[in-house]
Amino acid sequence: MPMGNIQKQKFEAWINANMPHHPITCPLCGTAQWDMAEIIESSGISGVLAPMAQLVCRSCGHILLFDAKKAGVV
């Protein structure tokens, strides 16, 4: 599901508060331009579904995933 404006604001605030090397540099292309995309359900080894918030690199499309609950967006 796409993030709403309030969710994006919460996610951005969480990133600013928890990422000492913000802005985050893309490990593939080296740019630091990201879009907050969607909240997806992801399953780990245990099979438990967890909501994940996506950051998508504007340059190469690489995706970073963050625990949406920990980030306060769900």
PDB file of N, CA and C in Angstrom:
ATOM      1  N   MET A   1       0.838  -1.174   0.000  1.00  0.00           N
ATOM      2  CA  MET A   1       0.000   0.000   0.000  1.00  0.00           C
ATOM      3  C   MET A   1       0.888   1.244   0.000  1.00  0.00           C
ATOM      4  N   PRO A   2       0.558   2.241  -0.788  1.00  0.00           N
ATOM      5  CA  PRO A   2       1.346   3.483  -0.804  1.00  0.00           C
ATOM      6  C   PRO A   2       1.276   4.192   0.545  1.00  0.00           C
ATOM      7  N   MET A   3       2.362   4.876   0.904  1.00  0.00           N
ATOM      8  CA  MET A   3       2.383   5.648   2.147  1.00  0.00           C
ATOM      9  C   MET A   3       1.615   6.943   1.955  1.00  0.00           C
ATOM     10  N   GLY A   4       0.828   7.294   2.970  1.00  0.00           N
ATOM     11  CA  GLY A   4       0.143   8.582   2.976  1.00  0.00           C
ATOM     12  C   GLY A   4       1.100   9.666   3.444  1.00  0.00           C
ATOM     13  N   ASN A   5       0.662  10.908   3.374  1.00  0.00           N
ATOM     14  CA  ASN A   5       1.515  12.038   3.758  1.00  0.00           C
ATOM     15  C   ASN A   5       1.954  11.973   5.211  1.00  0.00           C
ATOM     16  N   ILE A   6       1.052  11.608   6.109  1.00  0.00           N
ATOM     17  CA  ILE A   6       1.406  11.520   7.531  1.00  0.00           C
ATOM     18  C   ILE A   6       2.427  10.410   7.752  1.00  0.00           C
ATOM     19  N   GLN A   7       2.243   9.273   7.088  1.00  0.00           N
ATOM     20  CA  GLN A   7       3.198   8.175   7.205  1.00  0.00           C
ATOM     21  C   GLN A   7       4.571   8.595   6.680  1.00  0.00           C
ATOM     22  N   LYS A   8       4.596   9.325   5.569  1.00  0.00           N
ATOM     23  CA  LYS A   8       5.864   9.803   5.023  1.00  0.00           C
ATOM     24  C   LYS A   8       6.554  10.755   5.986  1.00  0.00           C
ATOM     25  N   GLN A   9       5.780  11.632   6.623  1.00  0.00           N
ATOM     26  CA  GLN A   9       6.353  12.564   7.594  1.00  0.00           C
ATOM     27  C   GLN A   9       6.938  11.817   8.785  1.00  0.00           C
ATOM     28  N   LYS A  10       6.225  10.806   9.279  1.00  0.00           N
ATOM     29  CA  LYS A  10       6.722  10.007  10.399  1.00  0.00           C
ATOM     30  C   LYS A  10       7.978   9.238  10.002  1.00  0.00           C
ATOM     31  N   PHE A  11       7.982   8.668   8.811  1.00  0.00           N
ATOM     32  CA  PHE A  11       9.127   7.903   8.329  1.00  0.00           C
ATOM     33  C   PHE A  11      10.345   8.820   8.178  1.00  0.00           C
ATOM     34  N   GLU A  12      10.142   9.993   7.601  1.00  0.00           N
ATOM     35  CA  GLU A  12      11.243  10.944   7.435  1.00  0.00           C
ATOM     36  C   GLU A  12      11.794  11.386   8.790  1.00  0.00           C
ATOM     37  N   ALA A  13      10.908  11.652   9.742  1.00  0.00           N
ATOM     38  CA  ALA A  13      11.352  12.043  11.085  1.00  0.00           C
ATOM     39  C   ALA A  13      12.139  10.922  11.746  1.00  0.00           C
ATOM     40  N   TRP A  14      11.677   9.682  11.583  1.00  0.00           N
ATOM     41  CA  TRP A  14      12.383   8.532  12.161  1.00  0.00           C
ATOM     42  C   TRP A  14      13.766   8.384  11.524  1.00  0.00           C
ATOM     43  N   ILE A  15      13.850   8.528  10.199  1.00  0.00           N
ATOM     44  CA  ILE A  15      15.145   8.433   9.509  1.00  0.00           C
ATOM     45  C   ILE A  15      16.089   9.521  10.015  1.00  0.00           C
ATOM     46  N   ASN A  16      15.603  10.750  10.098  1.00  0.00           N
ATOM     47  CA  ASN A  16      16.446  11.855  10.570  1.00  0.00           C
ATOM     48  C   ASN A  16      16.939  11.637  11.993  1.00  0.00           C
ATOM     49  N   ALA A  17      16.097  11.046  12.841  1.00  0.00           N
ATOM     50  CA  ALA A  17      16.465  10.822  14.241  1.00  0.00           C
ATOM     51  C   ALA A  17      17.373   9.616  14.437  1.00  0.00           C
ATOM     52  N   ASN A  18      17.322   8.646  13.519  1.00  0.00           N
ATOM     53  CA  ASN A  18      18.025   7.380  13.742  1.00  0.00           C
ATOM     54  C   ASN A  18      19.164   7.081  12.779  1.00  0.00           C
ATOM     55  N   MET A  19      19.369   7.906  11.791  1.00  0.00           N
ATOM     56  CA  MET A  19      20.420   7.660  10.807  1.00  0.00           C
ATOM     57  C   MET A  19      21.499   8.743  10.924  1.00  0.00           C
ATOM     58  N   PRO A  20      22.610   8.434  11.609  1.00  0.00           N
ATOM     59  CA  PRO A  20      23.644   9.452  11.791  1.00  0.00           C
ATOM     60  C   PRO A  20      24.327   9.854  10.478  1.00  0.00           C
ATOM     61  N   HIS A  21      24.233   9.009   9.456  1.00  0.00           N
ATOM     62  CA  HIS A  21      24.869   9.311   8.173  1.00  0.00           C
ATOM     63  C   HIS A  21      23.833   9.738   7.135  1.00  0.00           C
ATOM     64  N   HIS A  22      22.786  10.398   7.600  1.00  0.00           N
ATOM     65  CA  HIS A  22      21.734  10.866   6.697  1.00  0.00           C
ATOM     66  C   HIS A  22      22.235  12.098   5.960  1.00  0.00           C
ATOM     67  N   PRO A  23      22.087  12.298   4.680  1.00  0.00           N
ATOM     68  CA  PRO A  23      21.295  11.446   3.823  1.00  0.00           C
ATOM     69  C   PRO A  23      22.010  10.133   3.502  1.00  0.00           C
ATOM     70  N   ILE A  24      21.222   9.100   3.368  1.00  0.00           N
ATOM     71  CA  ILE A  24      21.730   7.771   3.078  1.00  0.00           C
ATOM     72  C   ILE A  24      22.224   7.748   1.628  1.00  0.00           C
ATOM     73  N   THR A  25      23.417   7.215   1.426  1.00  0.00           N
ATOM     74  CA  THR A  25      23.965   7.069   0.077  1.00  0.00           C
ATOM     75  C   THR A  25      23.614   5.681  -0.445  1.00  0.00           C
ATOM     76  N   CYS A  26      23.167   5.607  -1.678  1.00  0.00           N
ATOM     77  CA  CYS A  26      22.824   4.325  -2.290  1.00  0.00           C
ATOM     78  C   CYS A  26      24.092   3.481  -2.422  1.00  0.00           C
ATOM     79  N   PRO A  27      24.059   2.236  -1.940  1.00  0.00           N
ATOM     80  CA  PRO A  27      25.246   1.392  -2.038  1.00  0.00           C
ATOM     81  C   PRO A  27      25.571   0.950  -3.468  1.00  0.00           C
ATOM     82  N   LEU A  28      24.637   1.137  -4.394  1.00  0.00           N
ATOM     83  CA  LEU A  28      24.888   0.715  -5.776  1.00  0.00           C
ATOM     84  C   LEU A  28      25.392   1.838  -6.668  1.00  0.00           C
ATOM     85  N   CYS A  29      24.715   2.987  -6.637  1.00  0.00           N
ATOM     86  CA  CYS A  29      25.083   4.054  -7.572  1.00  0.00           C
ATOM     87  C   CYS A  29      25.722   5.266  -6.895  1.00  0.00           C
ATOM     88  N   GLY A  30      25.673   5.340  -5.569  1.00  0.00           N
ATOM     89  CA  GLY A  30      26.331   6.418  -4.842  1.00  0.00           C
ATOM     90  C   GLY A  30      25.553   7.708  -4.714  1.00  0.00           C
ATOM     91  N   THR A  31      24.339   7.782  -5.256  1.00  0.00           N
ATOM     92  CA  THR A  31      23.542   9.003  -5.106  1.00  0.00           C
ATOM     93  C   THR A  31      22.843   8.987  -3.744  1.00  0.00           C
ATOM     94  N   ALA A  32      22.279  10.105  -3.383  1.00  0.00           N
ATOM     95  CA  ALA A  32      21.569  10.204  -2.106  1.00  0.00           C
ATOM     96  C   ALA A  32      20.195  10.816  -2.326  1.00  0.00           C
ATOM     97  N   GLN A  33      19.483  10.306  -3.320  1.00  0.00           N
ATOM     98  CA  GLN A  33      18.147  10.801  -3.636  1.00  0.00           C
ATOM     99  C   GLN A  33      17.179   9.639  -3.579  1.00  0.00           C
ATOM    100  N   TRP A  34      16.264   9.709  -2.622  1.00  0.00           N
ATOM    101  CA  TRP A  34      15.353   8.596  -2.354  1.00  0.00           C
ATOM    102  C   TRP A  34      13.904   9.041  -2.388  1.00  0.00           C
ATOM    103  N   ASP A  35      13.038   8.124  -2.757  1.00  0.00           N
ATOM    104  CA  ASP A  35      11.597   8.321  -2.661  1.00  0.00           C
ATOM    105  C   ASP A  35      11.048   7.332  -1.648  1.00  0.00           C
ATOM    106  N   MET A  36      10.129   7.791  -0.807  1.00  0.00           N
ATOM    107  CA  MET A  36       9.416   6.897   0.088  1.00  0.00           C
ATOM    108  C   MET A  36       8.295   6.299  -0.729  1.00  0.00           C
ATOM    109  N   ALA A  37       8.288   4.990  -0.853  1.00  0.00           N
ATOM    110  CA  ALA A  37       7.357   4.360  -1.780  1.00  0.00           C
ATOM    111  C   ALA A  37       6.163   3.748  -1.076  1.00  0.00           C
ATOM    112  N   GLU A  38       6.267   2.492  -0.709  1.00  0.00           N
ATOM    113  CA  GLU A  38       5.127   1.758  -0.194  1.00  0.00           C
ATOM    114  C   GLU A  38       5.453   1.058   1.110  1.00  0.00           C
ATOM    115  N   ILE A  39       4.406   0.570   1.733  1.00  0.00           N
ATOM    116  CA  ILE A  39       4.546  -0.336   2.866  1.00  0.00           C
ATOM    117  C   ILE A  39       4.148  -1.704   2.329  1.00  0.00           C
ATOM    118  N   ILE A  40       5.064  -2.647   2.424  1.00  0.00           N
ATOM    119  CA  ILE A  40       4.811  -3.984   1.901  1.00  0.00           C
ATOM    120  C   ILE A  40       4.847  -4.988   3.048  1.00  0.00           C
ATOM    121  N   GLU A  41       4.256  -6.132   2.836  1.00  0.00           N
ATOM    122  CA  GLU A  41       4.324  -7.230   3.800  1.00  0.00           C
ATOM    123  C   GLU A  41       5.458  -8.148   3.367  1.00  0.00           C
ATOM    124  N   SER A  42       6.379  -8.390   4.262  1.00  0.00           N
ATOM    125  CA  SER A  42       7.514  -9.244   3.958  1.00  0.00           C
ATOM    126  C   SER A  42       7.585 -10.357   4.987  1.00  0.00           C
ATOM    127  N   SER A  43       7.967 -11.553   4.556  1.00  0.00           N
ATOM    128  CA  SER A  43       8.092 -12.651   5.511  1.00  0.00           C
ATOM    129  C   SER A  43       9.548 -13.062   5.629  1.00  0.00           C
ATOM    130  N   GLY A  44       9.947 -13.345   6.850  1.00  0.00           N
ATOM    131  CA  GLY A  44      11.298 -13.798   7.115  1.00  0.00           C
ATOM    132  C   GLY A  44      11.366 -15.306   7.154  1.00  0.00           C
ATOM    133  N   ILE A  45      12.439 -15.810   7.700  1.00  0.00           N
ATOM    134  CA  ILE A  45      12.652 -17.251   7.793  1.00  0.00           C
ATOM    135  C   ILE A  45      11.527 -17.917   8.584  1.00  0.00           C
ATOM    136  N   SER A  46      11.045 -17.239   9.610  1.00  0.00           N
ATOM    137  CA  SER A  46       9.987 -17.809  10.449  1.00  0.00           C
ATOM    138  C   SER A  46       8.636 -17.848   9.743  1.00  0.00           C
ATOM    139  N   GLY A  47       8.511 -17.124   8.629  1.00  0.00           N
ATOM    140  CA  GLY A  47       7.252 -17.073   7.902  1.00  0.00           C
ATOM    141  C   GLY A  47       6.294 -16.017   8.421  1.00  0.00           C
ATOM    142  N   VAL A  48       6.683 -15.292   9.475  1.00  0.00           N
ATOM    143  CA  VAL A  48       5.838 -14.245  10.039  1.00  0.00           C
ATOM    144  C   VAL A  48       5.875 -13.026   9.124  1.00  0.00           C
ATOM    145  N   LEU A  49       4.696 -12.501   8.807  1.00  0.00           N
ATOM    146  CA  LEU A  49       4.623 -11.309   7.971  1.00  0.00           C
ATOM    147  C   LEU A  49       4.945 -10.070   8.787  1.00  0.00           C
ATOM    148  N   ALA A  50       5.761  -9.206   8.218  1.00  0.00           N
ATOM    149  CA  ALA A  50       6.124  -7.963   8.883  1.00  0.00           C
ATOM    150  C   ALA A  50       5.985  -6.826   7.885  1.00  0.00           C
ATOM    151  N   PRO A  51       5.376  -5.702   8.293  1.00  0.00           N
ATOM    152  CA  PRO A  51       5.269  -4.566   7.383  1.00  0.00           C
ATOM    153  C   PRO A  51       6.633  -3.883   7.230  1.00  0.00           C
ATOM    154  N   MET A  52       7.000  -3.613   5.990  1.00  0.00           N
ATOM    155  CA  MET A  52       8.279  -2.992   5.682  1.00  0.00           C
ATOM    156  C   MET A  52       8.042  -1.713   4.885  1.00  0.00           C
ATOM    157  N   ALA A  53       8.745  -0.634   5.284  1.00  0.00           N
ATOM    158  CA  ALA A  53       8.655   0.632   4.565  1.00  0.00           C
ATOM    159  C   ALA A  53       9.805   0.707   3.563  1.00  0.00           C
ATOM    160  N   GLN A  54       9.497   1.108   2.339  1.00  0.00           N
ATOM    161  CA  GLN A  54      10.482   1.145   1.266  1.00  0.00           C
ATOM    162  C   GLN A  54      11.049   2.549   1.052  1.00  0.00           C
ATOM    163  N   LEU A  55      12.366   2.600   0.840  1.00  0.00           N
ATOM    164  CA  LEU A  55      13.024   3.767   0.270  1.00  0.00           C
ATOM    165  C   LEU A  55      13.554   3.302  -1.080  1.00  0.00           C
ATOM    166  N   VAL A  56      13.230   4.021  -2.144  1.00  0.00           N
ATOM    167  CA  VAL A  56      13.639   3.633  -3.492  1.00  0.00           C
ATOM    168  C   VAL A  56      14.567   4.707  -4.050  1.00  0.00           C
ATOM    169  N   CYS A  57      15.751   4.285  -4.504  1.00  0.00           N
ATOM    170  CA  CYS A  57      16.717   5.204  -5.093  1.00  0.00           C
ATOM    171  C   CYS A  57      16.147   5.765  -6.396  1.00  0.00           C
ATOM    172  N   ARG A  58      16.167   7.077  -6.513  1.00  0.00           N
ATOM    173  CA  ARG A  58      15.636   7.733  -7.726  1.00  0.00           C
ATOM    174  C   ARG A  58      16.506   7.461  -8.948  1.00  0.00           C
ATOM    175  N   SER A  59      17.774   7.171  -8.726  1.00  0.00           N
ATOM    176  CA  SER A  59      18.691   6.986  -9.843  1.00  0.00           C
ATOM    177  C   SER A  59      18.657   5.570 -10.411  1.00  0.00           C
ATOM    178  N   CYS A  60      18.869   4.563  -9.543  1.00  0.00           N
ATOM    179  CA  CYS A  60      19.005   3.197 -10.049  1.00  0.00           C
ATOM    180  C   CYS A  60      17.864   2.262  -9.648  1.00  0.00           C
ATOM    181  N   GLY A  61      17.000   2.695  -8.742  1.00  0.00           N
ATOM    182  CA  GLY A  61      15.860   1.872  -8.343  1.00  0.00           C
ATOM    183  C   GLY A  61      16.145   0.898  -7.212  1.00  0.00           C
ATOM    184  N   HIS A  62      17.364   0.939  -6.645  1.00  0.00           N
ATOM    185  CA  HIS A  62      17.669   0.054  -5.521  1.00  0.00           C
ATOM    186  C   HIS A  62      16.700   0.354  -4.376  1.00  0.00           C
ATOM    187  N   ILE A  63      16.257  -0.699  -3.673  1.00  0.00           N
ATOM    188  CA  ILE A  63      15.271  -0.537  -2.607  1.00  0.00           C
ATOM    189  C   ILE A  63      15.890  -0.888  -1.266  1.00  0.00           C
ATOM    190  N   LEU A  64      15.691   0.003  -0.281  1.00  0.00           N
ATOM    191  CA  LEU A  64      16.048  -0.275   1.106  1.00  0.00           C
ATOM    192  C   LEU A  64      14.749  -0.520   1.857  1.00  0.00           C
ATOM    193  N   LEU A  65      14.745  -1.537   2.735  1.00  0.00           N
ATOM    194  CA  LEU A  65      13.559  -1.857   3.513  1.00  0.00           C
ATOM    195  C   LEU A  65      13.819  -1.606   4.992  1.00  0.00           C
ATOM    196  N   PHE A  66      12.811  -1.048   5.667  1.00  0.00           N
ATOM    197  CA  PHE A  66      12.880  -0.778   7.094  1.00  0.00           C
ATOM    198  C   PHE A  66      11.633  -1.326   7.770  1.00  0.00           C
ATOM    199  N   ASP A  67      11.774  -1.769   9.000  1.00  0.00           N
ATOM    200  CA  ASP A  67      10.646  -2.257   9.795  1.00  0.00           C
ATOM    201  C   ASP A  67       9.677  -1.091   9.996  1.00  0.00           C
ATOM    202  N   ALA A  68       8.512  -1.173   9.389  1.00  0.00           N
ATOM    203  CA  ALA A  68       7.545  -0.082   9.434  1.00  0.00           C
ATOM    204  C   ALA A  68       7.001   0.171  10.829  1.00  0.00           C
ATOM    205  N   LYS A  69       6.915  -0.877  11.645  1.00  0.00           N
ATOM    206  CA  LYS A  69       6.452  -0.700  13.023  1.00  0.00           C
ATOM    207  C   LYS A  69       7.476   0.072  13.828  1.00  0.00           C
ATOM    208  N   LYS A  70       8.750  -0.326  13.712  1.00  0.00           N
ATOM    209  CA  LYS A  70       9.816   0.352  14.447  1.00  0.00           C
ATOM    210  C   LYS A  70       9.934   1.814  13.997  1.00  0.00           C
ATOM    211  N   ALA A  71       9.709   2.049  12.703  1.00  0.00           N
ATOM    212  CA  ALA A  71       9.786   3.408  12.171  1.00  0.00           C
ATOM    213  C   ALA A  71       8.548   4.241  12.492  1.00  0.00           C
ATOM    214  N   GLY A  72       7.514   3.609  13.062  1.00  0.00           N
ATOM    215  CA  GLY A  72       6.320   4.328  13.484  1.00  0.00           C
ATOM    216  C   GLY A  72       5.354   4.688  12.371  1.00  0.00           C
ATOM    217  N   VAL A  73       5.413   3.984  11.248  1.00  0.00           N
ATOM    218  CA  VAL A  73       4.512   4.337  10.145  1.00  0.00           C
ATOM    219  C   VAL A  73       3.301   3.433  10.041  1.00  0.00           C
ATOM    220  N   VAL A  74       3.219   2.392  10.881  1.00  0.00           N
ATOM    221  CA  VAL A  74       2.010   1.550  10.946  1.00  0.00           C
ATOM    222  C   VAL A  74       1.632   1.337  12.394  1.00  0.00           C
TER     223      VAL A  74
END
